[in-house]
Amino acid sequence: MLETRFNSTRSFDALKEQEINLLRLNEEDQAIIDDGDAAELDKEAAEERVAVRNEELGRFQTQIAEREDAMPLRKKIKEIFKKHGVTVTAILIAAGVTIGAVVSAVTKALKATEKPMAGSLKEIGAKPGSLLPGLIGCSGFRF
């Protein structure tokens, strides 16, 4: 009960750090267990330490899961980014590159249609322009 109360006051980061530390120690002891040249007493001691740590790991992982469930979405996303080493700078750079690529593609598309569109607009503008003198009644007007 005292351990549970103590762990409930520990920060989420401290719990995660302790979990990582216990996993690392278990890996070291597992290497002793798997070593064919290790003494039998060393292997048994390592197995006992692993068993004790696994129980402790179970408690830590339960507390970590409870804290993750109670965490607001913003903090969950922040933890995911931290876990995978994603930084705000990396996100901004990725967004900038994406926006740059979209703008470049739109610019190229507009440049490709510039000349055909200009010709079409010129043709459309020429028809009303040729009707203008007749509309204002100066078909034979010369300077």
N, C-alpha and C. Protein backbone atom coordinates (compact mmCIF):
# COMPACT_ATOMS: atom_id res chain seq x y z
N MET A 1 0.83 -1.19 0.00
CA MET A 1 0.00 0.00 0.00
C MET A 1 0.88 1.25 0.00
N LEU A 2 1.93 1.26 0.82
CA LEU A 2 2.83 2.40 0.89
C LEU A 2 3.54 2.60 -0.44
N GLU A 3 3.94 1.51 -1.08
CA GLU A 3 4.61 1.60 -2.38
C GLU A 3 3.67 2.17 -3.44
N THR A 4 2.40 1.75 -3.42
CA THR A 4 1.42 2.26 -4.37
C THR A 4 1.23 3.75 -4.18
N ARG A 5 1.13 4.17 -2.92
CA ARG A 5 0.96 5.60 -2.64
C ARG A 5 2.19 6.38 -3.10
N PHE A 6 3.39 5.83 -2.86
CA PHE A 6 4.62 6.49 -3.29
C PHE A 6 4.68 6.61 -4.81
N ASN A 7 4.34 5.52 -5.49
CA ASN A 7 4.39 5.53 -6.95
C ASN A 7 3.33 6.44 -7.56
N SER A 8 2.22 6.63 -6.85
CA SER A 8 1.18 7.51 -7.39
C SER A 8 1.61 8.97 -7.34
N THR A 9 2.58 9.30 -6.48
CA THR A 9 3.07 10.68 -6.42
C THR A 9 4.26 10.90 -7.35
N ARG A 10 4.82 9.84 -7.89
CA ARG A 10 5.96 9.97 -8.81
C ARG A 10 5.46 10.48 -10.15
N SER A 11 6.32 11.21 -10.81
CA SER A 11 5.94 11.74 -12.12
C SER A 11 5.89 10.62 -13.15
N PHE A 12 5.14 10.89 -14.20
CA PHE A 12 5.01 9.91 -15.28
C PHE A 12 6.37 9.58 -15.86
N ASP A 13 7.20 10.60 -16.06
CA ASP A 13 8.54 10.39 -16.61
C ASP A 13 9.39 9.51 -15.70
N ALA A 14 9.26 9.70 -14.38
CA ALA A 14 10.03 8.89 -13.43
C ALA A 14 9.60 7.42 -13.51
N LEU A 15 8.31 7.19 -13.66
CA LEU A 15 7.82 5.81 -13.79
C LEU A 15 8.35 5.17 -15.07
N LYS A 16 8.30 5.92 -16.17
CA LYS A 16 8.80 5.39 -17.43
C LYS A 16 10.30 5.11 -17.35
N GLU A 17 11.03 6.00 -16.71
CA GLU A 17 12.47 5.81 -16.55
C GLU A 17 12.77 4.57 -15.72
N GLN A 18 12.01 4.37 -14.65
CA GLN A 18 12.20 3.19 -13.81
C GLN A 18 11.87 1.92 -14.59
N GLU A 19 10.83 1.97 -15.41
CA GLU A 19 10.46 0.81 -16.23
C GLU A 19 11.61 0.47 -17.19
N ILE A 20 12.16 1.48 -17.84
CA ILE A 20 13.27 1.27 -18.77
C ILE A 20 14.48 0.68 -18.05
N ASN A 21 14.75 1.19 -16.86
CA ASN A 21 15.88 0.70 -16.07
C ASN A 21 15.68 -0.78 -15.71
N LEU A 22 14.47 -1.15 -15.28
CA LEU A 22 14.20 -2.55 -14.92
C LEU A 22 14.32 -3.46 -16.14
N LEU A 23 13.85 -2.99 -17.28
CA LEU A 23 13.97 -3.80 -18.51
C LEU A 23 15.44 -4.01 -18.89
N ARG A 24 16.24 -2.96 -18.72
CA ARG A 24 17.67 -3.07 -19.03
C ARG A 24 18.34 -4.07 -18.09
N LEU A 25 18.01 -3.99 -16.79
CA LEU A 25 18.59 -4.94 -15.83
C LEU A 25 18.16 -6.38 -16.14
N ASN A 26 16.91 -6.55 -16.57
CA ASN A 26 16.44 -7.88 -16.95
C ASN A 26 17.20 -8.41 -18.16
N GLU A 27 17.51 -7.54 -19.10
CA GLU A 27 18.29 -7.97 -20.27
C GLU A 27 19.68 -8.44 -19.85
N GLU A 28 20.28 -7.70 -18.93
CA GLU A 28 21.61 -8.11 -18.44
C GLU A 28 21.56 -9.46 -17.75
N ASP A 29 20.54 -9.66 -16.90
CA ASP A 29 20.41 -10.96 -16.21
C ASP A 29 20.04 -12.06 -17.19
N GLN A 30 19.26 -11.73 -18.23
CA GLN A 30 18.91 -12.74 -19.22
C GLN A 30 20.15 -13.19 -19.97
N ALA A 31 21.10 -12.28 -20.18
CA ALA A 31 22.36 -12.66 -20.82
C ALA A 31 23.12 -13.67 -19.95
N ILE A 32 23.07 -13.48 -18.63
CA ILE A 32 23.72 -14.42 -17.71
C ILE A 32 23.02 -15.77 -17.79
N ILE A 33 21.69 -15.75 -17.81
CA ILE A 33 20.91 -16.99 -17.87
C ILE A 33 21.21 -17.75 -19.15
N ASP A 34 21.35 -17.04 -20.26
CA ASP A 34 21.58 -17.68 -21.56
C ASP A 34 23.03 -18.08 -21.78
N ASP A 35 23.94 -17.57 -20.95
CA ASP A 35 25.36 -17.87 -21.09
C ASP A 35 25.63 -19.32 -20.69
N GLY A 36 26.16 -20.09 -21.60
CA GLY A 36 26.44 -21.50 -21.33
C GLY A 36 27.61 -21.69 -20.37
N ASP A 37 28.50 -20.70 -20.26
CA ASP A 37 29.67 -20.81 -19.41
C ASP A 37 29.43 -20.29 -17.99
N ALA A 38 28.27 -19.69 -17.73
CA ALA A 38 27.99 -19.12 -16.40
C ALA A 38 27.74 -20.24 -15.40
N ALA A 39 28.11 -19.96 -14.14
CA ALA A 39 27.89 -20.94 -13.07
C ALA A 39 26.40 -21.09 -12.80
N GLU A 40 26.04 -22.28 -12.36
CA GLU A 40 24.61 -22.57 -12.10
C GLU A 40 24.04 -21.67 -11.03
N LEU A 41 24.83 -21.34 -10.01
CA LEU A 41 24.37 -20.45 -8.93
C LEU A 41 24.11 -19.04 -9.48
N ASP A 42 24.95 -18.59 -10.38
CA ASP A 42 24.76 -17.27 -10.99
C ASP A 42 23.48 -17.24 -11.83
N LYS A 43 23.24 -18.34 -12.55
CA LYS A 43 22.03 -18.41 -13.37
C LYS A 43 20.78 -18.39 -12.50
N GLU A 44 20.81 -19.15 -11.41
CA GLU A 44 19.65 -19.20 -10.51
C GLU A 44 19.40 -17.84 -9.87
N ALA A 45 20.47 -17.17 -9.45
CA ALA A 45 20.33 -15.83 -8.85
C ALA A 45 19.76 -14.85 -9.88
N ALA A 46 20.22 -14.95 -11.11
CA ALA A 46 19.73 -14.07 -12.16
C ALA A 46 18.25 -14.34 -12.44
N GLU A 47 17.86 -15.62 -12.45
CA GLU A 47 16.45 -15.97 -12.67
C GLU A 47 15.57 -15.40 -11.55
N GLU A 48 16.05 -15.46 -10.31
CA GLU A 48 15.28 -14.91 -9.18
C GLU A 48 15.14 -13.40 -9.32
N ARG A 49 16.22 -12.74 -9.69
CA ARG A 49 16.17 -11.28 -9.86
C ARG A 49 15.20 -10.90 -10.98
N VAL A 50 15.22 -11.66 -12.07
CA VAL A 50 14.31 -11.40 -13.18
C VAL A 50 12.86 -11.58 -12.74
N ALA A 51 12.60 -12.63 -11.97
CA ALA A 51 11.23 -12.88 -11.50
C ALA A 51 10.74 -11.73 -10.61
N VAL A 52 11.59 -11.27 -9.70
CA VAL A 52 11.22 -10.16 -8.81
C VAL A 52 10.99 -8.89 -9.63
N ARG A 53 11.89 -8.64 -10.57
CA ARG A 53 11.75 -7.44 -11.40
C ARG A 53 10.50 -7.50 -12.27
N ASN A 54 10.15 -8.69 -12.77
CA ASN A 54 8.96 -8.82 -13.60
C ASN A 54 7.70 -8.46 -12.82
N GLU A 55 7.66 -8.85 -11.53
CA GLU A 55 6.52 -8.47 -10.69
C GLU A 55 6.47 -6.95 -10.54
N GLU A 56 7.64 -6.37 -10.29
CA GLU A 56 7.72 -4.91 -10.13
C GLU A 56 7.35 -4.22 -11.45
N LEU A 57 7.82 -4.78 -12.56
CA LEU A 57 7.49 -4.22 -13.88
C LEU A 57 5.99 -4.24 -14.12
N GLY A 58 5.35 -5.32 -13.71
CA GLY A 58 3.89 -5.42 -13.86
C GLY A 58 3.18 -4.29 -13.14
N ARG A 59 3.63 -3.98 -11.92
CA ARG A 59 3.02 -2.88 -11.16
C ARG A 59 3.28 -1.54 -11.86
N PHE A 60 4.53 -1.33 -12.29
CA PHE A 60 4.85 -0.08 -12.98
C PHE A 60 4.03 0.08 -14.25
N GLN A 61 3.94 -0.99 -15.03
CA GLN A 61 3.21 -0.91 -16.29
C GLN A 61 1.72 -0.66 -16.06
N THR A 62 1.17 -1.21 -14.98
CA THR A 62 -0.23 -0.94 -14.64
C THR A 62 -0.41 0.54 -14.31
N GLN A 63 0.49 1.07 -13.50
CA GLN A 63 0.40 2.49 -13.13
C GLN A 63 0.61 3.39 -14.34
N ILE A 64 1.53 3.02 -15.19
CA ILE A 64 1.78 3.81 -16.41
C ILE A 64 0.53 3.80 -17.29
N ALA A 65 -0.08 2.63 -17.45
CA ALA A 65 -1.29 2.53 -18.28
C ALA A 65 -2.43 3.35 -17.67
N GLU A 66 -2.58 3.32 -16.34
CA GLU A 66 -3.62 4.11 -15.69
C GLU A 66 -3.38 5.60 -15.91
N ARG A 67 -2.13 6.01 -15.78
CA ARG A 67 -1.82 7.44 -15.99
C ARG A 67 -2.03 7.84 -17.44
N GLU A 68 -1.68 6.95 -18.39
CA GLU A 68 -1.88 7.26 -19.80
C GLU A 68 -3.36 7.39 -20.12
N ASP A 69 -4.20 6.54 -19.51
CA ASP A 69 -5.64 6.63 -19.74
C ASP A 69 -6.22 7.93 -19.21
N ALA A 70 -5.68 8.42 -18.08
CA ALA A 70 -6.19 9.64 -17.47
C ALA A 70 -5.61 10.91 -18.10
N MET A 71 -4.60 10.75 -18.94
CA MET A 71 -3.91 11.89 -19.54
C MET A 71 -4.79 12.59 -20.58
N PRO A 72 -4.72 13.92 -20.64
CA PRO A 72 -5.44 14.62 -21.72
C PRO A 72 -4.80 14.31 -23.07
N LEU A 73 -5.58 14.48 -24.13
CA LEU A 73 -5.12 14.13 -25.47
C LEU A 73 -3.84 14.85 -25.85
N ARG A 74 -3.74 16.12 -25.50
CA ARG A 74 -2.54 16.90 -25.84
C ARG A 74 -1.28 16.26 -25.25
N LYS A 75 -1.37 15.85 -23.98
CA LYS A 75 -0.22 15.25 -23.33
C LYS A 75 0.09 13.87 -23.92
N LYS A 76 -0.96 13.11 -24.30
CA LYS A 76 -0.74 11.80 -24.93
C LYS A 76 0.05 11.96 -26.22
N ILE A 77 -0.35 12.95 -27.03
CA ILE A 77 0.34 13.18 -28.30
C ILE A 77 1.79 13.59 -28.03
N LYS A 78 1.98 14.44 -27.03
CA LYS A 78 3.33 14.87 -26.66
C LYS A 78 4.20 13.67 -26.25
N GLU A 79 3.62 12.74 -25.49
CA GLU A 79 4.35 11.55 -25.06
C GLU A 79 4.69 10.65 -26.25
N ILE A 80 3.77 10.55 -27.20
CA ILE A 80 4.04 9.74 -28.39
C ILE A 80 5.20 10.34 -29.18
N PHE A 81 5.18 11.67 -29.35
CA PHE A 81 6.27 12.33 -30.05
C PHE A 81 7.59 12.13 -29.31
N LYS A 82 7.55 12.25 -28.00
CA LYS A 82 8.77 12.09 -27.20
C LYS A 82 9.29 10.65 -27.32
N LYS A 83 8.39 9.69 -27.29
CA LYS A 83 8.77 8.27 -27.37
C LYS A 83 9.49 7.97 -28.68
N HIS A 84 9.01 8.57 -29.77
CA HIS A 84 9.58 8.28 -31.08
C HIS A 84 10.61 9.31 -31.53
N GLY A 85 10.93 10.26 -30.65
CA GLY A 85 11.98 11.24 -30.95
C GLY A 85 11.58 12.30 -31.96
N VAL A 86 10.29 12.55 -32.09
CA VAL A 86 9.81 13.58 -33.02
C VAL A 86 9.79 14.91 -32.27
N THR A 87 10.36 15.94 -32.88
CA THR A 87 10.39 17.25 -32.25
C THR A 87 9.47 18.21 -33.00
N VAL A 88 9.16 19.33 -32.37
CA VAL A 88 8.34 20.35 -33.01
C VAL A 88 9.05 20.86 -34.26
N THR A 89 10.35 21.00 -34.19
CA THR A 89 11.13 21.46 -35.34
C THR A 89 10.95 20.51 -36.53
N ALA A 90 10.99 19.22 -36.26
CA ALA A 90 10.82 18.23 -37.34
C ALA A 90 9.43 18.34 -37.96
N ILE A 91 8.43 18.58 -37.13
CA ILE A 91 7.06 18.71 -37.64
C ILE A 91 6.95 19.97 -38.50
N LEU A 92 7.52 21.07 -38.03
CA LEU A 92 7.46 22.32 -38.80
C LEU A 92 8.20 22.20 -40.12
N ILE A 93 9.34 21.54 -40.10
CA ILE A 93 10.10 21.34 -41.35
C ILE A 93 9.29 20.48 -42.32
N ALA A 94 8.68 19.41 -41.82
CA ALA A 94 7.87 18.55 -42.68
C ALA A 94 6.69 19.33 -43.26
N ALA A 95 6.04 20.14 -42.44
CA ALA A 95 4.91 20.95 -42.92
C ALA A 95 5.39 21.94 -43.97
N GLY A 96 6.54 22.56 -43.74
CA GLY A 96 7.08 23.52 -44.69
C GLY A 96 7.41 22.88 -46.02
N VAL A 97 8.02 21.71 -45.97
CA VAL A 97 8.37 21.00 -47.21
C VAL A 97 7.09 20.62 -47.96
N THR A 98 6.08 20.17 -47.24
CA THR A 98 4.82 19.79 -47.88
C THR A 98 4.16 20.99 -48.54
N ILE A 99 4.08 22.10 -47.82
CA ILE A 99 3.48 23.30 -48.38
C ILE A 99 4.28 23.78 -49.59
N GLY A 100 5.60 23.74 -49.49
CA GLY A 100 6.45 24.14 -50.61
C GLY A 100 6.20 23.29 -51.85
N ALA A 101 6.03 21.99 -51.65
CA ALA A 101 5.79 21.09 -52.78
C ALA A 101 4.44 21.39 -53.43
N VAL A 102 3.43 21.67 -52.63
CA VAL A 102 2.10 21.98 -53.17
C VAL A 102 2.14 23.29 -53.95
N VAL A 103 2.76 24.31 -53.38
CA VAL A 103 2.86 25.61 -54.05
C VAL A 103 3.64 25.46 -55.37
N SER A 104 4.71 24.70 -55.35
CA SER A 104 5.50 24.49 -56.56
C SER A 104 4.68 23.80 -57.64
N ALA A 105 3.91 22.78 -57.25
CA ALA A 105 3.09 22.06 -58.23
C ALA A 105 2.01 22.96 -58.81
N VAL A 106 1.38 23.78 -57.99
CA VAL A 106 0.34 24.69 -58.47
C VAL A 106 0.97 25.73 -59.41
N THR A 107 2.13 26.26 -59.03
CA THR A 107 2.82 27.25 -59.87
C THR A 107 3.17 26.66 -61.24
N LYS A 108 3.70 25.45 -61.26
CA LYS A 108 4.05 24.80 -62.53
C LYS A 108 2.81 24.58 -63.39
N ALA A 109 1.71 24.18 -62.75
CA ALA A 109 0.48 23.94 -63.50
C ALA A 109 -0.05 25.24 -64.10
N LEU A 110 0.02 26.32 -63.34
CA LEU A 110 -0.44 27.61 -63.85
C LEU A 110 0.45 28.11 -64.99
N LYS A 111 1.75 27.91 -64.87
CA LYS A 111 2.67 28.33 -65.93
C LYS A 111 2.43 27.51 -67.20
N ALA A 112 2.10 26.24 -67.06
CA ALA A 112 1.86 25.38 -68.22
C ALA A 112 0.60 25.81 -68.96
N THR A 113 -0.38 26.33 -68.26
CA THR A 113 -1.63 26.74 -68.91
C THR A 113 -1.64 28.22 -69.26
N GLU A 114 -0.57 28.94 -68.96
CA GLU A 114 -0.51 30.38 -69.18
C GLU A 114 -0.68 30.76 -70.66
N LYS A 115 0.12 30.18 -71.54
CA LYS A 115 0.07 30.55 -72.97
C LYS A 115 -1.24 30.13 -73.63
N PRO A 116 -1.69 28.90 -73.47
CA PRO A 116 -2.99 28.55 -74.08
C PRO A 116 -4.13 29.40 -73.54
N MET A 117 -4.10 29.70 -72.27
CA MET A 117 -5.16 30.50 -71.68
C MET A 117 -5.09 31.94 -72.22
N ALA A 118 -3.88 32.46 -72.37
CA ALA A 118 -3.73 33.83 -72.88
C ALA A 118 -4.27 33.92 -74.31
N GLY A 119 -4.00 32.93 -75.14
CA GLY A 119 -4.50 32.92 -76.51
C GLY A 119 -6.02 32.86 -76.54
N SER A 120 -6.60 32.03 -75.67
CA SER A 120 -8.06 31.92 -75.61
C SER A 120 -8.68 33.22 -75.15
N LEU A 121 -8.11 33.83 -74.14
CA LEU A 121 -8.64 35.10 -73.64
C LEU A 121 -8.51 36.20 -74.69
N LYS A 122 -7.44 36.20 -75.44
CA LYS A 122 -7.22 37.20 -76.49
C LYS A 122 -8.28 37.04 -77.58
N GLU A 123 -8.54 35.79 -77.93
CA GLU A 123 -9.56 35.49 -78.94
C GLU A 123 -10.95 35.92 -78.47
N ILE A 124 -11.25 35.64 -77.22
CA ILE A 124 -12.55 36.02 -76.66
C ILE A 124 -12.67 37.55 -76.61
N GLY A 125 -11.59 38.23 -76.27
CA GLY A 125 -11.60 39.69 -76.19
C GLY A 125 -11.67 40.35 -77.57
N ALA A 126 -11.16 39.70 -78.61
CA ALA A 126 -11.16 40.27 -79.95
C ALA A 126 -12.56 40.35 -80.53
N LYS A 127 -13.41 39.40 -80.25
CA LYS A 127 -14.77 39.39 -80.80
C LYS A 127 -15.58 40.59 -80.31
N PRO A 128 -15.68 40.84 -79.03
CA PRO A 128 -16.43 42.02 -78.59
C PRO A 128 -15.75 43.31 -79.05
N GLY A 129 -14.42 43.30 -79.13
CA GLY A 129 -13.69 44.49 -79.58
C GLY A 129 -14.02 44.84 -81.02
N SER A 130 -14.24 43.85 -81.86
CA SER A 130 -14.58 44.12 -83.26
C SER A 130 -16.01 44.62 -83.39
N LEU A 131 -16.86 44.32 -82.46
CA LEU A 131 -18.24 44.78 -82.48
C LEU A 131 -18.40 46.21 -81.95
N LEU A 132 -17.44 46.68 -81.21
CA LEU A 132 -17.53 47.98 -80.54
C LEU A 132 -17.74 49.15 -81.49
N PRO A 133 -17.00 49.27 -82.59
CA PRO A 133 -17.25 50.41 -83.48
C PRO A 133 -18.66 50.42 -84.04
N GLY A 134 -19.20 49.27 -84.37
CA GLY A 134 -20.56 49.21 -84.90
C GLY A 134 -21.58 49.59 -83.84
N LEU A 135 -21.33 49.27 -82.61
CA LEU A 135 -22.26 49.58 -81.53
C LEU A 135 -22.33 51.08 -81.26
N ILE A 136 -21.24 51.78 -81.40
CA ILE A 136 -21.25 53.20 -81.10
C ILE A 136 -21.50 54.04 -82.35
N GLY A 137 -21.70 53.39 -83.48
CA GLY A 137 -22.09 54.09 -84.70
C GLY A 137 -20.97 54.80 -85.42
N CYS A 138 -19.80 54.33 -85.37
CA CYS A 138 -18.70 54.99 -86.08
C CYS A 138 -17.97 53.99 -86.95
N SER A 139 -18.70 53.32 -87.83
CA SER A 139 -18.06 52.32 -88.65
C SER A 139 -17.17 52.93 -89.72
N GLY A 140 -17.46 54.13 -90.18
CA GLY A 140 -16.63 54.75 -91.19
C GLY A 140 -15.76 55.85 -90.63
N PHE A 141 -15.58 55.88 -89.43
CA PHE A 141 -14.84 56.94 -88.76
C PHE A 141 -13.35 56.74 -88.96
N ARG A 142 -12.69 57.81 -89.44
CA ARG A 142 -11.25 57.77 -89.64
C ARG A 142 -10.62 59.02 -89.06
N PHE A 143 -9.43 58.91 -88.67
CA PHE A 143 -8.70 60.05 -88.10
C PHE A 143 -7.90 60.72 -89.15
